[in-house]
Amino acid sequence: MKQEYAEAFEQRFRERAGLVDQMPGFVSNQILRPVNEGDPYVVFTVWNSRQDFLNWVRSDAFVKGHAQSGSLPKDAFSRSNVLEMHEVVQDSSRLDLEPEPHGGPFKLH
């Protein structure tokens, strides 16, 4: 994220539609601001399961929730978006959480 667009980017998340919060299996959403210049912002979303996440990205609410994502100019971003998916092995704040079974490579569709 280019520095001159950082505040507008953060504001988009402060004003987000919040539709994800209503989805079954949604746990939390954090927007992490980089402390070192040139490092990316991280949008960190936690779900109960991979299937819950897939249900979200395939939903009408996902489309509505991302409707304003194109409201910043393309040159605001210093690099392309990257989607990383990780499976929880252990969470110290949720000791009763069963580890997600190893699901193999992520396929959106």
PDB file of N, CA and C in Angstrom:
ATOM      1  N   MET A   1       0.861  -1.165   0.000  1.00  0.00           N
ATOM      2  CA  MET A   1       0.000   0.000   0.000  1.00  0.00           C
ATOM      3  C   MET A   1       0.907   1.226   0.000  1.00  0.00           C
ATOM      4  N   LYS A   2       0.685   2.092  -0.955  1.00  0.00           N
ATOM      5  CA  LYS A   2       1.440   3.340  -0.967  1.00  0.00           C
ATOM      6  C   LYS A   2       0.968   4.210   0.195  1.00  0.00           C
ATOM      7  N   GLN A   3       1.915   4.855   0.854  1.00  0.00           N
ATOM      8  CA  GLN A   3       1.648   5.594   2.087  1.00  0.00           C
ATOM      9  C   GLN A   3       0.531   6.627   1.936  1.00  0.00           C
ATOM     10  N   GLU A   4       0.459   7.296   0.800  1.00  0.00           N
ATOM     11  CA  GLU A   4      -0.559   8.338   0.633  1.00  0.00           C
ATOM     12  C   GLU A   4      -1.987   7.782   0.592  1.00  0.00           C
ATOM     13  N   TYR A   5      -2.132   6.460   0.427  1.00  0.00           N
ATOM     14  CA  TYR A   5      -3.455   5.838   0.397  1.00  0.00           C
ATOM     15  C   TYR A   5      -3.760   5.044   1.668  1.00  0.00           C
ATOM     16  N   ALA A   6      -2.822   4.969   2.591  1.00  0.00           N
ATOM     17  CA  ALA A   6      -2.971   4.119   3.770  1.00  0.00           C
ATOM     18  C   ALA A   6      -4.203   4.492   4.597  1.00  0.00           C
ATOM     19  N   GLU A   7      -4.403   5.762   4.868  1.00  0.00           N
ATOM     20  CA  GLU A   7      -5.543   6.173   5.697  1.00  0.00           C
ATOM     21  C   GLU A   7      -6.870   5.836   5.008  1.00  0.00           C
ATOM     22  N   ALA A   8      -6.956   6.064   3.713  1.00  0.00           N
ATOM     23  CA  ALA A   8      -8.184   5.735   2.981  1.00  0.00           C
ATOM     24  C   ALA A   8      -8.432   4.232   2.998  1.00  0.00           C
ATOM     25  N   PHE A   9      -7.376   3.446   2.887  1.00  0.00           N
ATOM     26  CA  PHE A   9      -7.495   1.994   2.942  1.00  0.00           C
ATOM     27  C   PHE A   9      -8.037   1.555   4.304  1.00  0.00           C
ATOM     28  N   GLU A  10      -7.464   2.101   5.363  1.00  0.00           N
ATOM     29  CA  GLU A  10      -7.925   1.753   6.706  1.00  0.00           C
ATOM     30  C   GLU A  10      -9.370   2.188   6.925  1.00  0.00           C
ATOM     31  N   GLN A  11      -9.715   3.348   6.410  1.00  0.00           N
ATOM     32  CA  GLN A  11     -11.080   3.856   6.557  1.00  0.00           C
ATOM     33  C   GLN A  11     -12.090   2.929   5.883  1.00  0.00           C
ATOM     34  N   ARG A  12     -11.724   2.339   4.751  1.00  0.00           N
ATOM     35  CA  ARG A  12     -12.625   1.400   4.061  1.00  0.00           C
ATOM     36  C   ARG A  12     -13.000   0.251   4.996  1.00  0.00           C
ATOM     37  N   PHE A  13     -12.018  -0.211   5.771  1.00  0.00           N
ATOM     38  CA  PHE A  13     -12.307  -1.313   6.691  1.00  0.00           C
ATOM     39  C   PHE A  13     -13.101  -0.845   7.899  1.00  0.00           C
ATOM     40  N   ARG A  14     -12.852   0.365   8.364  1.00  0.00           N
ATOM     41  CA  ARG A  14     -13.641   0.887   9.490  1.00  0.00           C
ATOM     42  C   ARG A  14     -15.112   1.015   9.103  1.00  0.00           C
ATOM     43  N   GLU A  15     -15.371   1.297   7.841  1.00  0.00           N
ATOM     44  CA  GLU A  15     -16.735   1.499   7.343  1.00  0.00           C
ATOM     45  C   GLU A  15     -17.271   0.280   6.607  1.00  0.00           C
ATOM     46  N   ARG A  16     -16.650  -0.842   6.782  1.00  0.00           N
ATOM     47  CA  ARG A  16     -17.032  -2.043   6.033  1.00  0.00           C
ATOM     48  C   ARG A  16     -18.475  -2.435   6.319  1.00  0.00           C
ATOM     49  N   ALA A  17     -19.034  -3.163   5.408  1.00  0.00           N
ATOM     50  CA  ALA A  17     -20.440  -3.553   5.521  1.00  0.00           C
ATOM     51  C   ALA A  17     -20.695  -4.474   6.710  1.00  0.00           C
ATOM     52  N   GLY A  18     -19.708  -5.253   7.108  1.00  0.00           N
ATOM     53  CA  GLY A  18     -19.870  -6.137   8.262  1.00  0.00           C
ATOM     54  C   GLY A  18     -20.666  -7.397   7.980  1.00  0.00           C
ATOM     55  N   LEU A  19     -20.888  -7.707   6.725  1.00  0.00           N
ATOM     56  CA  LEU A  19     -21.686  -8.879   6.381  1.00  0.00           C
ATOM     57  C   LEU A  19     -21.007 -10.178   6.796  1.00  0.00           C
ATOM     58  N   VAL A  20     -19.690 -10.186   6.776  1.00  0.00           N
ATOM     59  CA  VAL A  20     -18.952 -11.387   7.160  1.00  0.00           C
ATOM     60  C   VAL A  20     -19.238 -11.770   8.601  1.00  0.00           C
ATOM     61  N   ASP A  21     -19.461 -10.793   9.452  1.00  0.00           N
ATOM     62  CA  ASP A  21     -19.684 -11.052  10.874  1.00  0.00           C
ATOM     63  C   ASP A  21     -20.926 -11.915  11.127  1.00  0.00           C
ATOM     64  N   GLN A  22     -21.852 -11.910  10.183  1.00  0.00           N
ATOM     65  CA  GLN A  22     -23.104 -12.650  10.336  1.00  0.00           C
ATOM     66  C   GLN A  22     -23.030 -14.064   9.771  1.00  0.00           C
ATOM     67  N   MET A  23     -21.918 -14.403   9.121  1.00  0.00           N
ATOM     68  CA  MET A  23     -21.806 -15.707   8.459  1.00  0.00           C
ATOM     69  C   MET A  23     -21.549 -16.815   9.475  1.00  0.00           C
ATOM     70  N   PRO A  24     -22.225 -17.955   9.310  1.00  0.00           N
ATOM     71  CA  PRO A  24     -21.948 -19.102  10.180  1.00  0.00           C
ATOM     72  C   PRO A  24     -20.471 -19.490  10.091  1.00  0.00           C
ATOM     73  N   GLY A  25     -19.871 -19.717  11.237  1.00  0.00           N
ATOM     74  CA  GLY A  25     -18.476 -20.142  11.281  1.00  0.00           C
ATOM     75  C   GLY A  25     -17.466 -19.021  11.356  1.00  0.00           C
ATOM     76  N   PHE A  26     -17.917 -17.759  11.199  1.00  0.00           N
ATOM     77  CA  PHE A  26     -16.999 -16.626  11.294  1.00  0.00           C
ATOM     78  C   PHE A  26     -16.574 -16.448  12.745  1.00  0.00           C
ATOM     79  N   VAL A  27     -15.258 -16.234  12.954  1.00  0.00           N
ATOM     80  CA  VAL A  27     -14.732 -16.029  14.308  1.00  0.00           C
ATOM     81  C   VAL A  27     -14.282 -14.587  14.497  1.00  0.00           C
ATOM     82  N   SER A  28     -13.389 -14.107  13.629  1.00  0.00           N
ATOM     83  CA  SER A  28     -12.881 -12.741  13.799  1.00  0.00           C
ATOM     84  C   SER A  28     -12.232 -12.241  12.518  1.00  0.00           C
ATOM     85  N   ASN A  29     -12.045 -10.925  12.484  1.00  0.00           N
ATOM     86  CA  ASN A  29     -11.413 -10.259  11.346  1.00  0.00           C
ATOM     87  C   ASN A  29     -10.498  -9.172  11.909  1.00  0.00           C
ATOM     88  N   GLN A  30      -9.234  -9.198  11.531  1.00  0.00           N
ATOM     89  CA  GLN A  30      -8.279  -8.184  11.963  1.00  0.00           C
ATOM     90  C   GLN A  30      -7.605  -7.588  10.731  1.00  0.00           C
ATOM     91  N   ILE A  31      -7.409  -6.280  10.767  1.00  0.00           N
ATOM     92  CA  ILE A  31      -6.645  -5.593   9.731  1.00  0.00           C
ATOM     93  C   ILE A  31      -5.332  -5.188  10.391  1.00  0.00           C
ATOM     94  N   LEU A  32      -4.240  -5.741   9.910  1.00  0.00           N
ATOM     95  CA  LEU A  32      -2.932  -5.521  10.518  1.00  0.00           C
ATOM     96  C   LEU A  32      -2.131  -4.525   9.687  1.00  0.00           C
ATOM     97  N   ARG A  33      -1.773  -3.409  10.317  1.00  0.00           N
ATOM     98  CA  ARG A  33      -0.994  -2.348   9.664  1.00  0.00           C
ATOM     99  C   ARG A  33       0.492  -2.684   9.778  1.00  0.00           C
ATOM    100  N   PRO A  34       1.232  -2.585   8.690  1.00  0.00           N
ATOM    101  CA  PRO A  34       2.666  -2.872   8.770  1.00  0.00           C
ATOM    102  C   PRO A  34       3.407  -1.788   9.555  1.00  0.00           C
ATOM    103  N   VAL A  35       4.443  -2.197  10.261  1.00  0.00           N
ATOM    104  CA  VAL A  35       5.258  -1.224  10.984  1.00  0.00           C
ATOM    105  C   VAL A  35       6.518  -0.865  10.206  1.00  0.00           C
ATOM    106  N   ASN A  36       6.889  -1.681   9.246  1.00  0.00           N
ATOM    107  CA  ASN A  36       8.052  -1.406   8.415  1.00  0.00           C
ATOM    108  C   ASN A  36       7.609  -0.971   7.026  1.00  0.00           C
ATOM    109  N   GLU A  37       8.198   0.094   6.536  1.00  0.00           N
ATOM    110  CA  GLU A  37       7.866   0.608   5.213  1.00  0.00           C
ATOM    111  C   GLU A  37       8.075  -0.471   4.155  1.00  0.00           C
ATOM    112  N   GLY A  38       7.106  -0.591   3.272  1.00  0.00           N
ATOM    113  CA  GLY A  38       7.195  -1.563   2.191  1.00  0.00           C
ATOM    114  C   GLY A  38       6.550  -2.901   2.509  1.00  0.00           C
ATOM    115  N   ASP A  39       6.312  -3.185   3.787  1.00  0.00           N
ATOM    116  CA  ASP A  39       5.617  -4.423   4.139  1.00  0.00           C
ATOM    117  C   ASP A  39       4.124  -4.247   3.872  1.00  0.00           C
ATOM    118  N   PRO A  40       3.419  -5.334   3.575  1.00  0.00           N
ATOM    119  CA  PRO A  40       1.993  -5.212   3.241  1.00  0.00           C
ATOM    120  C   PRO A  40       1.088  -5.170   4.466  1.00  0.00           C
ATOM    121  N   TYR A  41      -0.104  -4.611   4.276  1.00  0.00           N
ATOM    122  CA  TYR A  41      -1.179  -4.785   5.241  1.00  0.00           C
ATOM    123  C   TYR A  41      -1.581  -6.259   5.184  1.00  0.00           C
ATOM    124  N   VAL A  42      -2.104  -6.753   6.286  1.00  0.00           N
ATOM    125  CA  VAL A  42      -2.609  -8.119   6.325  1.00  0.00           C
ATOM    126  C   VAL A  42      -4.060  -8.069   6.785  1.00  0.00           C
ATOM    127  N   VAL A  43      -4.936  -8.683   6.024  1.00  0.00           N
ATOM    128  CA  VAL A  43      -6.328  -8.861   6.423  1.00  0.00           C
ATOM    129  C   VAL A  43      -6.411 -10.293   6.925  1.00  0.00           C
ATOM    130  N   PHE A  44      -6.575 -10.436   8.234  1.00  0.00           N
ATOM    131  CA  PHE A  44      -6.490 -11.735   8.897  1.00  0.00           C
ATOM    132  C   PHE A  44      -7.879 -12.123   9.387  1.00  0.00           C
ATOM    133  N   THR A  45      -8.460 -13.111   8.738  1.00  0.00           N
ATOM    134  CA  THR A  45      -9.809 -13.556   9.066  1.00  0.00           C
ATOM    135  C   THR A  45      -9.744 -14.988   9.572  1.00  0.00           C
ATOM    136  N   VAL A  46     -10.459 -15.259  10.650  1.00  0.00           N
ATOM    137  CA  VAL A  46     -10.459 -16.586  11.257  1.00  0.00           C
ATOM    138  C   VAL A  46     -11.850 -17.200  11.106  1.00  0.00           C
ATOM    139  N   TRP A  47     -11.863 -18.448  10.685  1.00  0.00           N
ATOM    140  CA  TRP A  47     -13.103 -19.212  10.499  1.00  0.00           C
ATOM    141  C   TRP A  47     -13.031 -20.497  11.307  1.00  0.00           C
ATOM    142  N   ASN A  48     -14.183 -21.044  11.650  1.00  0.00           N
ATOM    143  CA  ASN A  48     -14.213 -22.323  12.356  1.00  0.00           C
ATOM    144  C   ASN A  48     -13.726 -23.461  11.476  1.00  0.00           C
ATOM    145  N   SER A  49     -13.966 -23.368  10.173  1.00  0.00           N
ATOM    146  CA  SER A  49     -13.561 -24.449   9.278  1.00  0.00           C
ATOM    147  C   SER A  49     -13.323 -23.900   7.874  1.00  0.00           C
ATOM    148  N   ARG A  50     -12.640 -24.685   7.096  1.00  0.00           N
ATOM    149  CA  ARG A  50     -12.424 -24.343   5.689  1.00  0.00           C
ATOM    150  C   ARG A  50     -13.765 -24.232   4.971  1.00  0.00           C
ATOM    151  N   GLN A  51     -14.679 -25.144   5.276  1.00  0.00           N
ATOM    152  CA  GLN A  51     -15.986 -25.107   4.614  1.00  0.00           C
ATOM    153  C   GLN A  51     -16.734 -23.818   4.927  1.00  0.00           C
ATOM    154  N   ASP A  52     -16.643 -23.327   6.163  1.00  0.00           N
ATOM    155  CA  ASP A  52     -17.284 -22.057   6.507  1.00  0.00           C
ATOM    156  C   ASP A  52     -16.715 -20.924   5.650  1.00  0.00           C
ATOM    157  N   PHE A  53     -15.395 -20.901   5.460  1.00  0.00           N
ATOM    158  CA  PHE A  53     -14.767 -19.886   4.619  1.00  0.00           C
ATOM    159  C   PHE A  53     -15.246 -20.016   3.181  1.00  0.00           C
ATOM    160  N   LEU A  54     -15.273 -21.230   2.658  1.00  0.00           N
ATOM    161  CA  LEU A  54     -15.735 -21.440   1.284  1.00  0.00           C
ATOM    162  C   LEU A  54     -17.186 -20.989   1.118  1.00  0.00           C
ATOM    163  N   ASN A  55     -18.021 -21.264   2.101  1.00  0.00           N
ATOM    164  CA  ASN A  55     -19.418 -20.804   2.043  1.00  0.00           C
ATOM    165  C   ASN A  55     -19.466 -19.285   1.954  1.00  0.00           C
ATOM    166  N   TRP A  56     -18.584 -18.591   2.669  1.00  0.00           N
ATOM    167  CA  TRP A  56     -18.520 -17.128   2.633  1.00  0.00           C
ATOM    168  C   TRP A  56     -18.121 -16.637   1.248  1.00  0.00           C
ATOM    169  N   VAL A  57     -17.012 -17.131   0.703  1.00  0.00           N
ATOM    170  CA  VAL A  57     -16.529 -16.587  -0.576  1.00  0.00           C
ATOM    171  C   VAL A  57     -17.443 -16.948  -1.743  1.00  0.00           C
ATOM    172  N   ARG A  58     -18.316 -17.900  -1.551  1.00  0.00           N
ATOM    173  CA  ARG A  58     -19.270 -18.283  -2.599  1.00  0.00           C
ATOM    174  C   ARG A  58     -20.642 -17.653  -2.391  1.00  0.00           C
ATOM    175  N   SER A  59     -20.767 -16.780  -1.394  1.00  0.00           N
ATOM    176  CA  SER A  59     -22.077 -16.223  -1.043  1.00  0.00           C
ATOM    177  C   SER A  59     -22.334 -14.868  -1.700  1.00  0.00           C
ATOM    178  N   ASP A  60     -23.617 -14.502  -1.786  1.00  0.00           N
ATOM    179  CA  ASP A  60     -24.001 -13.169  -2.253  1.00  0.00           C
ATOM    180  C   ASP A  60     -23.481 -12.105  -1.290  1.00  0.00           C
ATOM    181  N   ALA A  61     -23.416 -12.438  -0.003  1.00  0.00           N
ATOM    182  CA  ALA A  61     -22.912 -11.492   0.996  1.00  0.00           C
ATOM    183  C   ALA A  61     -21.446 -11.145   0.724  1.00  0.00           C
ATOM    184  N   PHE A  62     -20.666 -12.094   0.242  1.00  0.00           N
ATOM    185  CA  PHE A  62     -19.268 -11.836  -0.102  1.00  0.00           C
ATOM    186  C   PHE A  62     -19.182 -10.796  -1.213  1.00  0.00           C
ATOM    187  N   VAL A  63     -19.993 -10.968  -2.248  1.00  0.00           N
ATOM    188  CA  VAL A  63     -20.014 -10.020  -3.364  1.00  0.00           C
ATOM    189  C   VAL A  63     -20.396  -8.628  -2.856  1.00  0.00           C
ATOM    190  N   LYS A  64     -21.439  -8.544  -2.045  1.00  0.00           N
ATOM    191  CA  LYS A  64     -21.866  -7.255  -1.487  1.00  0.00           C
ATOM    192  C   LYS A  64     -20.806  -6.662  -0.577  1.00  0.00           C
ATOM    193  N   GLY A  65     -20.184  -7.502   0.247  1.00  0.00           N
ATOM    194  CA  GLY A  65     -19.184  -7.035   1.192  1.00  0.00           C
ATOM    195  C   GLY A  65     -17.924  -6.508   0.539  1.00  0.00           C
ATOM    196  N   HIS A  66     -17.658  -6.938  -0.694  1.00  0.00           N
ATOM    197  CA  HIS A  66     -16.464  -6.499  -1.407  1.00  0.00           C
ATOM    198  C   HIS A  66     -16.784  -5.490  -2.510  1.00  0.00           C
ATOM    199  N   ALA A  67     -17.985  -4.968  -2.513  1.00  0.00           N
ATOM    200  CA  ALA A  67     -18.397  -4.032  -3.559  1.00  0.00           C
ATOM    201  C   ALA A  67     -17.548  -2.776  -3.585  1.00  0.00           C
ATOM    202  N   GLN A  68     -17.071  -2.306  -2.425  1.00  0.00           N
ATOM    203  CA  GLN A  68     -16.269  -1.084  -2.396  1.00  0.00           C
ATOM    204  C   GLN A  68     -14.772  -1.363  -2.487  1.00  0.00           C
ATOM    205  N   SER A  69     -14.381  -2.625  -2.652  1.00  0.00           N
ATOM    206  CA  SER A  69     -12.955  -2.949  -2.649  1.00  0.00           C
ATOM    207  C   SER A  69     -12.218  -2.327  -3.826  1.00  0.00           C
ATOM    208  N   GLY A  70     -12.906  -1.984  -4.880  1.00  0.00           N
ATOM    209  CA  GLY A  70     -12.266  -1.357  -6.018  1.00  0.00           C
ATOM    210  C   GLY A  70     -12.321   0.157  -5.985  1.00  0.00           C
ATOM    211  N   SER A  71     -12.624   0.727  -4.821  1.00  0.00           N
ATOM    212  CA  SER A  71     -12.819   2.174  -4.740  1.00  0.00           C
ATOM    213  C   SER A  71     -11.510   2.959  -4.629  1.00  0.00           C
ATOM    214  N   LEU A  72     -10.388   2.293  -4.410  1.00  0.00           N
ATOM    215  CA  LEU A  72      -9.084   2.960  -4.446  1.00  0.00           C
ATOM    216  C   LEU A  72      -8.463   2.735  -5.820  1.00  0.00           C
ATOM    217  N   PRO A  73      -7.692   3.693  -6.313  1.00  0.00           N
ATOM    218  CA  PRO A  73      -7.068   3.497  -7.620  1.00  0.00           C
ATOM    219  C   PRO A  73      -6.060   2.343  -7.596  1.00  0.00           C
ATOM    220  N   LYS A  74      -5.877   1.707  -8.735  1.00  0.00           N
ATOM    221  CA  LYS A  74      -4.955   0.575  -8.823  1.00  0.00           C
ATOM    222  C   LYS A  74      -3.542   0.951  -8.384  1.00  0.00           C
ATOM    223  N   ASP A  75      -3.141   2.200  -8.630  1.00  0.00           N
ATOM    224  CA  ASP A  75      -1.778   2.594  -8.265  1.00  0.00           C
ATOM    225  C   ASP A  75      -1.618   2.819  -6.757  1.00  0.00           C
ATOM    226  N   ALA A  76      -2.696   2.646  -5.969  1.00  0.00           N
ATOM    227  CA  ALA A  76      -2.588   2.744  -4.513  1.00  0.00           C
ATOM    228  C   ALA A  76      -1.835   1.538  -3.939  1.00  0.00           C
ATOM    229  N   PHE A  77      -1.841   0.461  -4.691  1.00  0.00           N
ATOM    230  CA  PHE A  77      -1.254  -0.788  -4.215  1.00  0.00           C
ATOM    231  C   PHE A  77       0.111  -1.005  -4.842  1.00  0.00           C
ATOM    232  N   SER A  78       1.084  -1.280  -3.999  1.00  0.00           N
ATOM    233  CA  SER A  78       2.447  -1.455  -4.485  1.00  0.00           C
ATOM    234  C   SER A  78       2.701  -2.872  -4.979  1.00  0.00           C
ATOM    235  N   ARG A  79       1.773  -3.795  -4.675  1.00  0.00           N
ATOM    236  CA  ARG A  79       1.892  -5.173  -5.160  1.00  0.00           C
ATOM    237  C   ARG A  79       0.508  -5.796  -5.239  1.00  0.00           C
ATOM    238  N   SER A  80       0.418  -6.943  -5.861  1.00  0.00           N
ATOM    239  CA  SER A  80      -0.863  -7.640  -6.003  1.00  0.00           C
ATOM    240  C   SER A  80      -1.306  -8.241  -4.681  1.00  0.00           C
ATOM    241  N   ASN A  81      -2.629  -8.412  -4.553  1.00  0.00           N
ATOM    242  CA  ASN A  81      -3.167  -9.119  -3.391  1.00  0.00           C
ATOM    243  C   ASN A  81      -2.695 -10.565  -3.410  1.00  0.00           C
ATOM    244  N   VAL A  82      -2.487 -11.109  -2.238  1.00  0.00           N
ATOM    245  CA  VAL A  82      -2.099 -12.505  -2.098  1.00  0.00           C
ATOM    246  C   VAL A  82      -3.025 -13.140  -1.079  1.00  0.00           C
ATOM    247  N   LEU A  83      -3.648 -14.238  -1.447  1.00  0.00           N
ATOM    248  CA  LEU A  83      -4.491 -14.975  -0.516  1.00  0.00           C
ATOM    249  C   LEU A  83      -3.695 -16.158   0.008  1.00  0.00           C
ATOM    250  N   GLU A  84      -3.520 -16.205   1.316  1.00  0.00           N
ATOM    251  CA  GLU A  84      -2.884 -17.346   1.958  1.00  0.00           C
ATOM    252  C   GLU A  84      -3.923 -18.020   2.837  1.00  0.00           C
ATOM    253  N   MET A  85      -3.920 -19.326   2.846  1.00  0.00           N
ATOM    254  CA  MET A  85      -4.828 -20.068   3.703  1.00  0.00           C
ATOM    255  C   MET A  85      -3.987 -20.986   4.580  1.00  0.00           C
ATOM    256  N   HIS A  86      -4.313 -20.991   5.866  1.00  0.00           N
ATOM    257  CA  HIS A  86      -3.599 -21.822   6.825  1.00  0.00           C
ATOM    258  C   HIS A  86      -4.611 -22.586   7.659  1.00  0.00           C
ATOM    259  N   GLU A  87      -4.237 -23.779   8.074  1.00  0.00           N
ATOM    260  CA  GLU A  87      -5.085 -24.587   8.945  1.00  0.00           C
ATOM    261  C   GLU A  87      -4.571 -24.463  10.374  1.00  0.00           C
ATOM    262  N   VAL A  88      -5.495 -24.307  11.308  1.00  0.00           N
ATOM    263  CA  VAL A  88      -5.112 -24.156  12.710  1.00  0.00           C
ATOM    264  C   VAL A  88      -4.679 -25.509  13.267  1.00  0.00           C
ATOM    265  N   VAL A  89      -3.494 -25.536  13.811  1.00  0.00           N
ATOM    266  CA  VAL A  89      -2.997 -26.718  14.493  1.00  0.00           C
ATOM    267  C   VAL A  89      -3.287 -26.596  15.984  1.00  0.00           C
ATOM    268  N   GLN A  90      -3.114 -25.373  16.521  1.00  0.00           N
ATOM    269  CA  GLN A  90      -3.354 -25.116  17.933  1.00  0.00           C
ATOM    270  C   GLN A  90      -3.633 -23.638  18.112  1.00  0.00           C
ATOM    271  N   ASP A  91      -4.562 -23.300  19.010  1.00  0.00           N
ATOM    272  CA  ASP A  91      -4.905 -21.917  19.326  1.00  0.00           C
ATOM    273  C   ASP A  91      -4.957 -21.785  20.842  1.00  0.00           C
ATOM    274  N   SER A  92      -4.032 -21.034  21.428  1.00  0.00           N
ATOM    275  CA  SER A  92      -3.946 -20.930  22.883  1.00  0.00           C
ATOM    276  C   SER A  92      -5.163 -20.243  23.509  1.00  0.00           C
ATOM    277  N   SER A  93      -5.936 -19.505  22.713  1.00  0.00           N
ATOM    278  CA  SER A  93      -7.132 -18.850  23.248  1.00  0.00           C
ATOM    279  C   SER A  93      -8.382 -19.714  23.108  1.00  0.00           C
ATOM    280  N   ARG A  94      -8.256 -20.829  22.424  1.00  0.00           N
ATOM    281  CA  ARG A  94      -9.401 -21.725  22.199  1.00  0.00           C
ATOM    282  C   ARG A  94      -8.944 -23.169  22.417  1.00  0.00           C
ATOM    283  N   LEU A  95      -8.714 -23.505  23.666  1.00  0.00           N
ATOM    284  CA  LEU A  95      -8.135 -24.808  23.993  1.00  0.00           C
ATOM    285  C   LEU A  95      -9.036 -25.978  23.614  1.00  0.00           C
ATOM    286  N   ASP A  96     -10.342 -25.735  23.499  1.00  0.00           N
ATOM    287  CA  ASP A  96     -11.267 -26.805  23.129  1.00  0.00           C
ATOM    288  C   ASP A  96     -11.374 -26.995  21.616  1.00  0.00           C
ATOM    289  N   LEU A  97     -10.654 -26.191  20.863  1.00  0.00           N
ATOM    290  CA  LEU A  97     -10.728 -26.248  19.404  1.00  0.00           C
ATOM    291  C   LEU A  97     -10.081 -27.519  18.870  1.00  0.00           C
ATOM    292  N   GLU A  98     -10.829 -28.237  18.074  1.00  0.00           N
ATOM    293  CA  GLU A  98     -10.274 -29.411  17.403  1.00  0.00           C
ATOM    294  C   GLU A  98      -9.442 -28.945  16.218  1.00  0.00           C
ATOM    295  N   PRO A  99      -8.251 -29.501  16.030  1.00  0.00           N
ATOM    296  CA  PRO A  99      -7.447 -29.092  14.875  1.00  0.00           C
ATOM    297  C   PRO A  99      -8.201 -29.355  13.571  1.00  0.00           C
ATOM    298  N   GLU A 100      -8.070 -28.440  12.637  1.00  0.00           N
ATOM    299  CA  GLU A 100      -8.665 -28.618  11.309  1.00  0.00           C
ATOM    300  C   GLU A 100      -7.935 -29.774  10.627  1.00  0.00           C
ATOM    301  N   PRO A 101      -8.660 -30.747  10.076  1.00  0.00           N
ATOM    302  CA  PRO A 101      -7.970 -31.833   9.373  1.00  0.00           C
ATOM    303  C   PRO A 101      -7.213 -31.278   8.170  1.00  0.00           C
ATOM    304  N   HIS A 102      -6.092 -31.893   7.860  1.00  0.00           N
ATOM    305  CA  HIS A 102      -5.299 -31.437   6.723  1.00  0.00           C
ATOM    306  C   HIS A 102      -6.137 -31.584   5.461  1.00  0.00           C
ATOM    307  N   GLY A 103      -6.462 -30.445   4.848  1.00  0.00           N
ATOM    308  CA  GLY A 103      -7.394 -30.460   3.725  1.00  0.00           C
ATOM    309  C   GLY A 103      -6.747 -30.403   2.357  1.00  0.00           C
ATOM    310  N   GLY A 104      -5.454 -30.339   2.291  1.00  0.00           N
ATOM    311  CA  GLY A 104      -4.774 -30.262   0.998  1.00  0.00           C
ATOM    312  C   GLY A 104      -4.831 -28.874   0.413  1.00  0.00           C
ATOM    313  N   PRO A 105      -4.421 -28.740  -0.820  1.00  0.00           N
ATOM    314  CA  PRO A 105      -4.364 -27.415  -1.468  1.00  0.00           C
ATOM    315  C   PRO A 105      -5.729 -26.753  -1.522  1.00  0.00           C
ATOM    316  N   PHE A 106      -5.703 -25.429  -1.456  1.00  0.00           N
ATOM    317  CA  PHE A 106      -6.932 -24.629  -1.488  1.00  0.00           C
ATOM    318  C   PHE A 106      -7.389 -24.446  -2.930  1.00  0.00           C
ATOM    319  N   LYS A 107      -8.671 -24.728  -3.164  1.00  0.00           N
ATOM    320  CA  LYS A 107      -9.290 -24.474  -4.467  1.00  0.00           C
ATOM    321  C   LYS A 107     -10.571 -23.719  -4.195  1.00  0.00           C
ATOM    322  N   LEU A 108     -10.670 -22.510  -4.746  1.00  0.00           N
ATOM    323  CA  LEU A 108     -11.818 -21.653  -4.492  1.00  0.00           C
ATOM    324  C   LEU A 108     -13.103 -22.247  -5.064  1.00  0.00           C
ATOM    325  N   HIS A 109     -13.041 -22.860  -6.215  1.00  0.00           N
ATOM    326  CA  HIS A 109     -14.256 -23.382  -6.866  1.00  0.00           C
ATOM    327  C   HIS A 109     -14.219 -24.886  -6.978  1.00  0.00           C
TER     328      HIS A 109
END
